Amino acid sequence: MDINNITAVYFVGAGGIGMSALIRYFLSKGKKVAGYDKTPSGLTEQLNYEGAVIHYEDNVDLIPDDFTDPAKTLVVYTPAVPEDHSELCYFRGNGFEVMKRARVLGEITDCSRGLCVAGTHGKTTTSSMVAHLLKQSHVDCNAFLGGILKNYNSNLMLSAESDLTVIEADEFDRSFHWLKPYMAVITSADPDHLDIYGTPEAYRESFEHFTSLIRPDGCLLMKQGINVTPRLQEGVKFYTYTGALDTKELSTFNSQLSTFYAENVRIGGGEIFFDFVGPDVRIPDIQLGVPVKVNVENGVAAIALAWLNGVTPEEIKHGMATFAGPRRRFDFHLKKENIVLIDDYAHHPAELKASILSVKELYAGRKVTGIFQPHLYTRTRDFAADFAASLSLLDELILLDIYPAREEPIPGVTSQIIFDAVTIADKRLIRKEELLEVVAAEAGKLEVVLMVGAGNIELLVDPVKQILDKKE
């Protein structure tokens, strides 16, 4: 099926962040769009407002008549939807073209020059930075992102002029193997999704295969030290990058270390500045619009990719300073003298550690309280000790129950196995429903609050904000 010739697109699992970008794309092309999702959310409500028709009951009778002609309807689904889903079974049993989200994204972007950002963590922020740097420059771009970029209030950007497309390359279910990158970034490859991959080695191999898909006229930009061996086609250029080099690294800096890196990092007064250094280029005094230490590293990758595609140093400095970030990526909700509230999507131990350390460096000397909701039973089982080690960096921990998402419970796997291994004394394990009462009782003692997780903890951010905003 030529996806340009269809008149209707039906989405099974319409509320996912990656699916929503495709929904917006097809709406922009004048297609009729409908779909199913398990639960309503702010995102699905916004998609309904933009013209999609989304329902929340797995019921074939709720599929609109405009989406019942196999010759004119494309069905898109996400692997998070179970195989026995009745609507999915109906479409498969009645001659419809049924395609995974990743394959559709690959076909849409096949004719463009894809700038694909992959990695266990850092890919949403880095791809969003790249998109913003290009969009606000003379170069321009299209973009399919994995987060709602606050500068544009969307995860989709379209351009009538540019053939560059920034793509967040998702490794879940090997989705990024459908892409054909012109340029690719790998930010990290810490094992994750072991329910899909089985072993850390298989997970790493999926990234190595991803590098083999880069076009011969393109390049790979990979974080220094990642345990991935590129399998590049002949002609593909290879660069590495890192954040700030320490003094020892600087004294021995040579071609075996990073191609692109940061120097002269200054942190203070809630702001971060650094100098970007690469072959034949130095851009001084870059200000991070989202002042988090880990964004120095993300920023180096994004700036390198933008610079390789013709964005000028002046445009880069303006773009980095005005970058507001994706929602739920180190998202400040309160930033007052007596209380700070930050919401972050971190759901892997390495992400969690980076987020906590960033907060502690930015607010040195102040008590940092973390409210963490683990995501998935399998991830909790596989990384319980690592989660506990990261959470032990906090001054105070409030740990919530596991958010199951697509999974069924696993015997013996609860938040308790993380809680028991956390080494700080100031910790408590509560149900999500108890959180607001606990925050209200402790509000006077709270200084910097970090709410973290990929589940529905985001629904509690505004209520927590309302409580803390009243703090004297």
Protein backbone atom coordinates (compact mmCIF):
# COMPACT_ATOMS: atom_id res chain seq x y z
CA MET A 1 0.00 0.00 0.00
CA ASP A 2 1.22 3.48 -0.90
CA ILE A 3 0.58 5.44 2.29
CA ASN A 4 0.27 8.61 0.23
CA ASN A 5 -2.84 7.24 -1.50
CA ILE A 6 -4.86 6.20 1.54
CA THR A 7 -7.72 8.39 2.80
CA ALA A 8 -8.04 7.13 6.37
CA VAL A 9 -5.62 6.05 9.10
CA TYR A 10 -6.67 4.13 12.21
CA PHE A 11 -4.34 3.95 15.23
CA VAL A 12 -4.44 1.10 17.75
CA GLY A 13 -2.69 2.58 20.78
CA ALA A 14 -3.24 6.20 19.77
CA GLY A 15 -2.09 7.80 23.02
CA GLY A 16 1.60 6.92 22.84
CA ILE A 17 3.96 9.84 22.29
CA GLY A 18 5.40 8.35 19.09
CA MET A 19 1.96 7.51 17.73
CA SER A 20 0.72 11.04 18.40
CA ALA A 21 3.39 12.53 16.12
CA LEU A 22 2.18 10.27 13.30
CA ILE A 23 -1.43 11.21 14.02
CA ARG A 24 -0.52 14.88 13.70
CA TYR A 25 1.38 14.15 10.48
CA PHE A 26 -1.56 12.42 8.81
CA LEU A 27 -3.97 15.12 9.99
CA SER A 28 -1.67 17.70 8.39
CA LYS A 29 -1.96 15.75 5.13
CA GLY A 30 -5.75 15.93 5.23
CA LYS A 31 -6.34 12.26 6.12
CA LYS A 32 -9.20 11.11 8.32
CA VAL A 33 -7.75 9.85 11.61
CA ALA A 34 -9.33 7.77 14.36
CA GLY A 35 -8.15 5.24 16.88
CA TYR A 36 -8.22 3.48 20.22
CA ASP A 37 -6.27 3.97 23.42
CA LYS A 38 -6.56 2.28 26.79
CA THR A 39 -7.15 5.43 28.81
CA PRO A 40 -7.83 9.11 28.12
CA SER A 41 -5.02 11.57 28.75
CA GLY A 42 -4.20 15.17 28.14
CA LEU A 43 -2.48 14.11 24.94
CA THR A 44 -5.47 12.16 23.57
CA GLU A 45 -7.78 15.03 24.45
CA GLN A 46 -5.52 17.39 22.51
CA LEU A 47 -5.48 15.01 19.53
CA ASN A 48 -9.28 14.88 19.57
CA TYR A 49 -9.30 18.68 19.60
CA GLU A 50 -6.95 18.70 16.59
CA GLY A 51 -9.29 16.48 14.57
CA ALA A 52 -8.68 12.85 15.50
CA VAL A 53 -11.50 10.66 16.85
CA ILE A 54 -10.18 8.51 19.70
CA HIS A 55 -12.17 6.14 21.92
CA TYR A 56 -11.14 4.15 25.00
CA GLU A 57 -12.96 0.81 24.79
CA ASP A 58 -11.63 -2.21 22.88
CA ASN A 59 -14.78 -2.63 20.83
CA VAL A 60 -14.95 -3.29 17.09
CA ASP A 61 -18.39 -1.66 16.96
CA LEU A 62 -16.79 1.68 17.88
CA ILE A 63 -14.65 1.78 14.73
CA PRO A 64 -16.15 4.59 12.59
CA ASP A 65 -17.60 3.70 9.18
CA ASP A 66 -14.97 5.79 7.39
CA PHE A 67 -12.33 3.29 8.55
CA THR A 68 -13.92 0.02 7.38
CA ASP A 69 -12.70 -0.04 3.75
CA PRO A 70 -9.46 -2.06 3.51
CA ALA A 71 -8.57 -0.43 0.18
CA LYS A 72 -8.55 3.08 1.65
CA THR A 73 -7.53 2.54 5.29
CA LEU A 74 -4.11 2.10 6.82
CA VAL A 75 -3.99 0.62 10.33
CA VAL A 76 -1.06 1.59 12.55
CA TYR A 77 -0.34 -0.15 15.85
CA THR A 78 2.21 -0.04 18.63
CA PRO A 79 3.88 -3.20 20.01
CA ALA A 80 2.63 -2.18 23.46
CA VAL A 81 -0.86 -3.34 22.38
CA PRO A 82 -1.48 -7.07 23.11
CA GLU A 83 -1.76 -9.40 20.13
CA ASP A 84 -5.25 -10.54 21.16
CA HIS A 85 -6.66 -7.00 21.07
CA SER A 86 -10.06 -7.38 19.38
CA GLU A 87 -9.77 -4.34 17.09
CA LEU A 88 -6.29 -5.39 15.96
CA CYS A 89 -7.58 -8.92 15.30
CA TYR A 90 -10.53 -7.51 13.32
CA PHE A 91 -8.28 -5.50 11.02
CA ARG A 92 -5.85 -8.38 10.52
CA GLY A 93 -8.68 -10.78 9.75
CA ASN A 94 -10.38 -8.56 7.19
CA GLY A 95 -7.69 -7.70 4.68
CA PHE A 96 -6.46 -4.37 6.06
CA GLU A 97 -2.87 -3.19 5.73
CA VAL A 98 -1.65 -3.33 9.34
CA MET A 99 1.75 -1.76 10.03
CA LYS A 100 3.86 -1.10 13.11
CA ARG A 101 4.38 2.53 14.02
CA ALA A 102 8.11 2.26 13.37
CA ARG A 103 7.62 0.93 9.84
CA VAL A 104 5.22 3.76 8.98
CA LEU A 105 7.70 6.30 10.33
CA GLY A 106 10.44 4.69 8.26
CA GLU A 107 8.35 4.89 5.07
CA ILE A 108 7.34 8.51 5.68
CA THR A 109 10.94 9.60 6.23
CA ASP A 110 12.56 7.33 3.63
CA CYS A 111 12.82 10.08 1.01
CA SER A 112 14.28 12.67 3.38
CA ARG A 113 17.70 12.99 4.98
CA GLY A 114 17.09 11.51 8.40
CA LEU A 115 18.96 12.79 11.44
CA CYS A 116 18.26 9.92 13.82
CA VAL A 117 19.03 10.12 17.54
CA ALA A 118 19.15 6.80 19.41
CA GLY A 119 20.09 5.81 22.95
CA THR A 120 18.80 4.30 26.17
CA HIS A 121 18.55 7.79 27.59
CA GLY A 122 19.17 11.31 26.34
CA LYS A 123 17.57 10.76 22.94
CA THR A 124 14.44 12.84 23.53
CA THR A 125 16.30 15.89 24.82
CA THR A 126 19.09 15.60 22.24
CA SER A 127 16.75 15.13 19.26
CA SER A 128 14.62 18.04 20.51
CA MET A 129 17.74 20.23 20.76
CA VAL A 130 18.75 19.28 17.22
CA ALA A 131 15.27 20.06 15.91
CA HIS A 132 15.17 23.45 17.63
CA LEU A 133 18.66 24.40 16.48
CA LEU A 134 17.74 23.61 12.87
CA LYS A 135 14.22 25.05 13.00
CA GLN A 136 15.26 28.46 14.30
CA SER A 137 18.18 28.67 11.85
CA HIS A 138 18.31 29.28 8.10
CA VAL A 139 18.56 25.49 7.59
CA ASP A 140 15.07 24.44 8.87
CA CYS A 141 13.86 20.84 9.32
CA ASN A 142 11.02 18.40 9.83
CA ALA A 143 10.91 16.44 13.09
CA PHE A 144 9.20 13.45 14.71
CA LEU A 145 10.03 13.68 18.41
CA GLY A 146 9.44 11.55 21.50
CA GLY A 147 8.41 14.46 23.69
CA ILE A 148 6.32 17.61 23.46
CA LEU A 149 8.85 20.36 22.79
CA LYS A 150 7.74 23.37 24.81
CA ASN A 151 9.03 25.87 22.25
CA TYR A 152 6.45 24.58 19.74
CA ASN A 153 3.90 22.80 21.97
CA SER A 154 4.17 19.77 19.69
CA ASN A 155 6.23 16.67 18.91
CA LEU A 156 5.86 17.21 15.15
CA MET A 157 7.54 19.86 13.01
CA LEU A 158 6.99 20.22 9.28
CA SER A 159 8.84 22.23 6.67
CA ALA A 160 7.91 23.02 3.09
CA GLU A 161 11.54 23.69 2.18
CA SER A 162 13.91 21.41 4.11
CA ASP A 163 14.57 17.73 3.33
CA LEU A 164 16.15 17.17 6.75
CA THR A 165 14.04 15.17 9.21
CA VAL A 166 15.02 14.83 12.86
CA ILE A 167 13.82 11.47 14.22
CA GLU A 168 13.91 10.07 17.72
CA ALA A 169 15.07 6.53 17.00
CA ASP A 170 13.40 4.22 19.53
CA GLU A 171 15.15 0.94 20.35
CA PHE A 172 12.04 -0.64 21.94
CA ASP A 173 11.05 -3.74 19.93
CA ARG A 174 13.96 -2.91 17.55
CA SER A 175 11.82 -0.12 16.09
CA PHE A 176 14.84 1.89 14.92
CA HIS A 177 15.80 -0.86 12.48
CA TRP A 178 13.10 0.47 10.11
CA LEU A 179 15.00 3.74 9.67
CA LYS A 180 17.61 4.68 7.06
CA PRO A 181 19.62 7.46 8.71
CA TYR A 182 21.62 10.06 6.83
CA MET A 183 23.26 10.96 10.12
CA ALA A 184 22.86 9.15 13.43
CA VAL A 185 23.65 9.89 17.06
CA ILE A 186 23.98 7.26 19.79
CA THR A 187 23.79 8.89 23.22
CA SER A 188 23.99 5.74 25.37
CA ALA A 189 23.49 1.98 25.24
CA ASP A 190 22.94 0.92 28.85
CA PRO A 191 20.90 -2.32 28.83
CA ASP A 192 17.12 -1.86 28.97
CA HIS A 193 13.97 -3.58 27.66
CA LEU A 194 15.41 -6.97 28.61
CA ASP A 195 11.86 -8.35 28.41
CA ILE A 196 12.24 -7.83 24.64
CA TYR A 197 15.96 -8.44 24.11
CA GLY A 198 16.66 -11.12 26.70
CA THR A 199 20.31 -10.24 27.31
CA PRO A 200 22.46 -7.09 27.49
CA GLU A 201 24.47 -8.47 24.57
CA ALA A 202 21.39 -8.67 22.35
CA TYR A 203 20.45 -5.14 23.35
CA ARG A 204 23.91 -3.85 22.42
CA GLU A 205 23.84 -5.77 19.13
CA SER A 206 20.65 -3.96 18.12
CA PHE A 207 22.55 -0.65 18.28
CA GLU A 208 25.40 -2.13 16.26
CA HIS A 209 22.91 -3.20 13.58
CA PHE A 210 21.40 0.30 13.67
CA THR A 211 24.80 1.75 12.71
CA SER A 212 24.88 -0.48 9.62
CA LEU A 213 21.77 1.29 8.29
CA ILE A 214 23.45 4.71 7.97
CA ARG A 215 23.69 5.88 4.36
CA PRO A 216 27.17 5.78 2.76
CA ASP A 217 27.23 9.59 2.42
CA GLY A 218 26.36 10.11 6.09
CA CYS A 219 28.00 9.92 9.49
CA LEU A 220 27.73 8.43 12.97
CA LEU A 221 28.21 10.59 16.06
CA MET A 222 28.59 8.42 19.17
CA LYS A 223 29.26 9.28 22.79
CA GLN A 224 32.84 8.46 23.77
CA GLY A 225 33.16 5.20 25.70
CA ILE A 226 29.89 3.53 24.72
CA ASN A 227 30.24 -0.25 24.48
CA VAL A 228 29.05 -0.43 20.88
CA THR A 229 31.18 -1.49 17.91
CA PRO A 230 29.93 0.38 14.81
CA ARG A 231 29.27 -1.58 11.63
CA LEU A 232 29.52 1.28 9.18
CA GLN A 233 29.13 1.05 5.44
CA GLU A 234 32.06 2.27 3.37
CA GLY A 235 32.05 6.06 3.17
CA VAL A 236 30.28 6.70 6.49
CA LYS A 237 32.22 9.16 8.66
CA PHE A 238 32.64 8.42 12.37
CA TYR A 239 32.80 11.04 15.13
CA THR A 240 32.72 10.84 18.91
CA TYR A 241 31.64 13.36 21.51
CA THR A 242 31.63 13.88 25.24
CA GLY A 243 30.59 16.46 27.79
CA ALA A 244 33.19 18.36 29.79
CA LEU A 245 36.62 16.76 29.79
CA ASP A 246 38.28 16.76 33.19
CA THR A 247 41.79 18.13 33.73
CA LYS A 248 43.49 14.77 33.27
CA GLU A 249 41.68 14.13 29.99
CA LEU A 250 42.52 17.61 28.73
CA SER A 251 46.22 17.11 29.45
CA THR A 252 46.27 13.97 27.30
CA PHE A 253 43.73 15.05 24.70
CA ASN A 254 44.47 13.60 21.29
CA SER A 255 42.72 12.15 18.27
CA GLN A 256 41.90 8.98 20.20
CA LEU A 257 39.54 10.97 22.40
CA SER A 258 36.39 12.83 21.42
CA THR A 259 36.00 14.74 18.17
CA PHE A 260 33.57 17.17 19.81
CA TYR A 261 33.57 18.19 23.47
CA ALA A 262 32.81 20.96 25.98
CA GLU A 263 35.34 23.16 27.73
CA ASN A 264 35.20 25.89 30.36
CA VAL A 265 31.91 24.75 31.91
CA ARG A 266 30.56 27.32 34.38
CA ILE A 267 27.73 26.51 36.78
CA GLY A 268 26.24 29.08 39.11
CA GLY A 269 23.19 31.15 39.88
CA GLY A 270 20.96 28.53 38.30
CA GLU A 271 22.71 28.93 34.92
CA ILE A 272 25.20 26.83 32.92
CA PHE A 273 27.61 28.11 30.25
CA PHE A 274 30.25 26.21 28.26
CA ASP A 275 32.46 26.41 25.18
CA PHE A 276 31.87 23.96 22.30
CA VAL A 277 35.02 22.59 20.67
CA GLY A 278 35.40 20.54 17.50
CA PRO A 279 37.61 20.24 14.41
CA ASP A 280 38.23 23.80 13.18
CA VAL A 281 35.45 25.22 15.36
CA ARG A 282 35.14 26.75 18.81
CA ILE A 283 31.92 28.41 19.95
CA PRO A 284 32.40 30.19 23.29
CA ASP A 285 29.90 31.10 26.00
CA ILE A 286 27.00 28.84 25.04
CA GLN A 287 24.16 29.18 27.51
CA LEU A 288 21.95 26.18 28.26
CA GLY A 289 18.28 27.10 28.08
CA VAL A 290 17.59 24.12 30.36
CA PRO A 291 20.42 24.40 32.92
CA VAL A 292 21.10 20.77 33.81
CA LYS A 293 24.63 19.33 33.88
CA VAL A 294 23.70 16.34 31.70
CA ASN A 295 22.52 18.79 29.02
CA VAL A 296 26.13 19.86 28.47
CA GLU A 297 26.70 16.39 27.04
CA ASN A 298 23.38 16.38 25.15
CA GLY A 299 24.16 19.88 23.93
CA VAL A 300 27.55 18.89 22.51
CA ALA A 301 25.89 16.14 20.44
CA ALA A 302 23.09 18.42 19.23
CA ILE A 303 25.44 21.29 18.38
CA ALA A 304 27.78 18.95 16.50
CA LEU A 305 24.92 17.62 14.39
CA ALA A 306 23.59 21.12 13.72
CA TRP A 307 27.07 22.41 12.83
CA LEU A 308 27.64 19.47 10.45
CA ASN A 309 24.42 20.50 8.69
CA GLY A 310 25.34 24.15 8.23
CA VAL A 311 23.89 25.94 11.25
CA THR A 312 26.09 28.96 12.03
CA PRO A 313 27.77 29.57 15.41
CA GLU A 314 25.56 32.62 15.99
CA GLU A 315 22.43 30.57 15.26
CA ILE A 316 23.68 27.81 17.55
CA LYS A 317 24.21 30.19 20.48
CA HIS A 318 20.75 31.70 20.04
CA GLY A 319 19.13 28.29 19.67
CA MET A 320 20.74 26.79 22.76
CA ALA A 321 19.84 29.80 24.92
CA THR A 322 16.19 29.74 23.78
CA PHE A 323 15.73 25.96 23.98
CA ALA A 324 12.92 25.36 26.48
CA GLY A 325 13.19 21.56 26.45
CA PRO A 326 10.63 18.79 26.10
CA ARG A 327 7.93 18.46 28.70
CA ARG A 328 8.82 16.14 31.58
CA ARG A 329 12.57 16.35 30.90
CA PHE A 330 13.92 18.20 33.92
CA ASP A 331 10.83 20.37 33.81
CA PHE A 332 10.75 23.17 36.39
CA HIS A 333 7.27 23.74 37.88
CA LEU A 334 8.37 25.88 40.83
CA LYS A 335 11.60 27.84 41.04
CA LYS A 336 11.34 30.02 44.15
CA GLU A 337 13.75 30.98 46.91
CA ASN A 338 12.15 28.63 49.43
CA ILE A 339 10.97 25.76 47.20
CA VAL A 340 11.89 24.15 43.88
CA LEU A 341 9.76 21.51 42.11
CA ILE A 342 11.14 19.59 39.15
CA ASP A 343 9.39 16.89 37.10
CA ASP A 344 11.53 14.40 35.16
CA TYR A 345 10.82 11.38 32.97
CA ALA A 346 13.84 9.34 34.14
CA HIS A 347 12.91 5.65 34.40
CA HIS A 348 16.26 3.86 34.02
CA PRO A 349 18.87 3.75 36.82
CA ALA A 350 21.46 5.67 34.80
CA GLU A 351 18.94 8.39 33.93
CA LEU A 352 17.84 8.56 37.54
CA LYS A 353 21.42 8.95 38.75
CA ALA A 354 22.13 11.70 36.23
CA SER A 355 18.97 13.57 37.17
CA ILE A 356 19.64 13.40 40.91
CA LEU A 357 23.28 14.44 40.56
CA SER A 358 22.26 17.35 38.33
CA VAL A 359 19.81 18.59 40.95
CA LYS A 360 22.33 18.23 43.76
CA GLU A 361 24.97 20.15 41.82
CA LEU A 362 22.55 22.89 40.78
CA TYR A 363 21.24 23.25 44.34
CA ALA A 364 24.30 22.36 46.39
CA GLY A 365 23.73 22.53 50.13
CA ARG A 366 19.95 22.20 49.92
CA LYS A 367 17.95 19.10 50.85
CA VAL A 368 16.82 17.14 47.79
CA THR A 369 13.69 15.01 48.15
CA GLY A 370 12.96 12.50 45.41
CA ILE A 371 9.49 11.11 44.68
CA PHE A 372 9.97 8.10 42.41
CA GLN A 373 7.45 5.84 40.67
CA PRO A 374 9.10 2.70 39.19
CA HIS A 375 7.97 1.84 35.65
CA LEU A 376 7.33 -1.80 34.63
CA TYR A 377 7.67 -4.96 36.70
CA THR A 378 10.37 -6.37 34.41
CA ARG A 379 12.52 -3.25 34.62
CA THR A 380 12.13 -3.20 38.41
CA ARG A 381 13.10 -6.88 38.62
CA ASP A 382 16.11 -6.51 36.30
CA PHE A 383 17.54 -3.30 37.79
CA ALA A 384 16.32 -3.17 41.42
CA ALA A 385 19.84 -2.91 42.87
CA ASP A 386 20.82 -0.20 40.39
CA PHE A 387 17.66 1.80 41.12
CA ALA A 388 18.41 1.56 44.84
CA ALA A 389 21.97 2.78 44.33
CA SER A 390 20.76 5.80 42.36
CA LEU A 391 18.01 6.64 44.85
CA SER A 392 20.51 6.41 47.71
CA LEU A 393 22.08 9.62 46.34
CA LEU A 394 19.03 11.55 47.55
CA ASP A 395 18.71 13.23 50.93
CA GLU A 396 15.14 11.96 51.26
CA LEU A 397 13.13 9.38 49.28
CA ILE A 398 9.40 8.91 48.84
CA LEU A 399 8.92 5.72 46.83
CA LEU A 400 5.62 4.85 45.13
CA ASP A 401 4.15 1.59 43.84
CA ILE A 402 5.21 0.26 40.43
CA TYR A 403 3.37 1.63 37.39
CA PRO A 404 2.66 -1.52 35.32
CA ALA A 405 1.97 0.04 31.90
CA ARG A 406 1.61 -2.90 29.49
CA GLU A 407 2.64 -5.61 31.98
CA GLU A 408 0.98 -8.07 34.33
CA PRO A 409 2.32 -8.39 37.91
CA ILE A 410 5.32 -10.64 38.54
CA PRO A 411 5.25 -12.58 41.85
CA GLY A 412 7.64 -11.07 44.38
CA VAL A 413 8.34 -7.95 42.31
CA THR A 414 7.15 -4.79 44.06
CA SER A 415 8.68 -1.44 44.99
CA GLN A 416 9.69 -3.10 48.26
CA ILE A 417 12.70 -4.79 46.63
CA ILE A 418 14.06 -1.36 45.67
CA PHE A 419 13.11 0.19 49.01
CA ASP A 420 14.90 -2.47 51.07
CA ALA A 421 18.16 -1.87 49.20
CA VAL A 422 18.15 1.95 49.49
CA THR A 423 20.84 2.93 51.99
CA ILE A 424 19.67 6.36 53.17
CA ALA A 425 17.75 6.48 56.44
CA ASP A 426 15.21 9.12 55.41
CA LYS A 427 12.99 7.00 53.18
CA ARG A 428 9.37 5.89 53.03
CA LEU A 429 7.30 3.62 50.80
CA ILE A 430 3.72 4.73 50.17
CA ARG A 431 0.84 4.21 47.78
CA LYS A 432 0.38 6.82 45.09
CA GLU A 433 -2.97 7.77 46.62
CA GLU A 434 -1.20 8.80 49.84
CA LEU A 435 1.28 11.18 48.24
CA LEU A 436 -0.64 14.45 48.47
CA GLU A 437 -1.36 13.90 52.16
CA VAL A 438 2.33 13.19 52.83
CA VAL A 439 3.48 16.24 50.86
CA ALA A 440 0.99 18.49 52.66
CA ALA A 441 2.21 17.24 56.05
CA GLU A 442 5.89 17.67 55.14
CA ALA A 443 5.67 20.84 53.00
CA GLY A 444 7.38 23.04 55.57
CA LYS A 445 10.48 20.81 55.56
CA LEU A 446 10.80 20.41 51.79
CA GLU A 447 13.38 22.45 49.85
CA VAL A 448 14.04 20.88 46.44
CA VAL A 449 11.56 18.25 45.23
CA LEU A 450 12.27 15.99 42.24
CA MET A 451 9.31 13.96 40.93
CA VAL A 452 10.55 11.17 38.69
CA GLY A 453 9.09 8.36 36.57
CA ALA A 454 7.60 7.40 33.21
CA GLY A 455 4.18 6.33 34.49
CA ASN A 456 1.24 8.41 35.65
CA ILE A 457 3.18 10.29 38.33
CA GLU A 458 2.89 13.30 36.02
CA LEU A 459 -0.80 13.55 37.00
CA LEU A 460 0.31 14.37 40.54
CA VAL A 461 2.72 17.15 39.60
CA ASP A 462 0.13 19.94 39.47
CA PRO A 463 -1.55 18.92 42.77
CA VAL A 464 1.88 18.78 44.45
CA LYS A 465 2.72 22.16 42.94
CA GLN A 466 -0.45 23.69 44.37
CA ILE A 467 0.47 22.44 47.84
CA LEU A 468 4.09 23.60 47.68
CA ASP A 469 3.26 26.94 46.07
CA LYS A 470 1.48 27.93 49.29
CA LYS A 471 4.60 27.29 51.35
CA GLU A 472 5.63 30.37 53.33
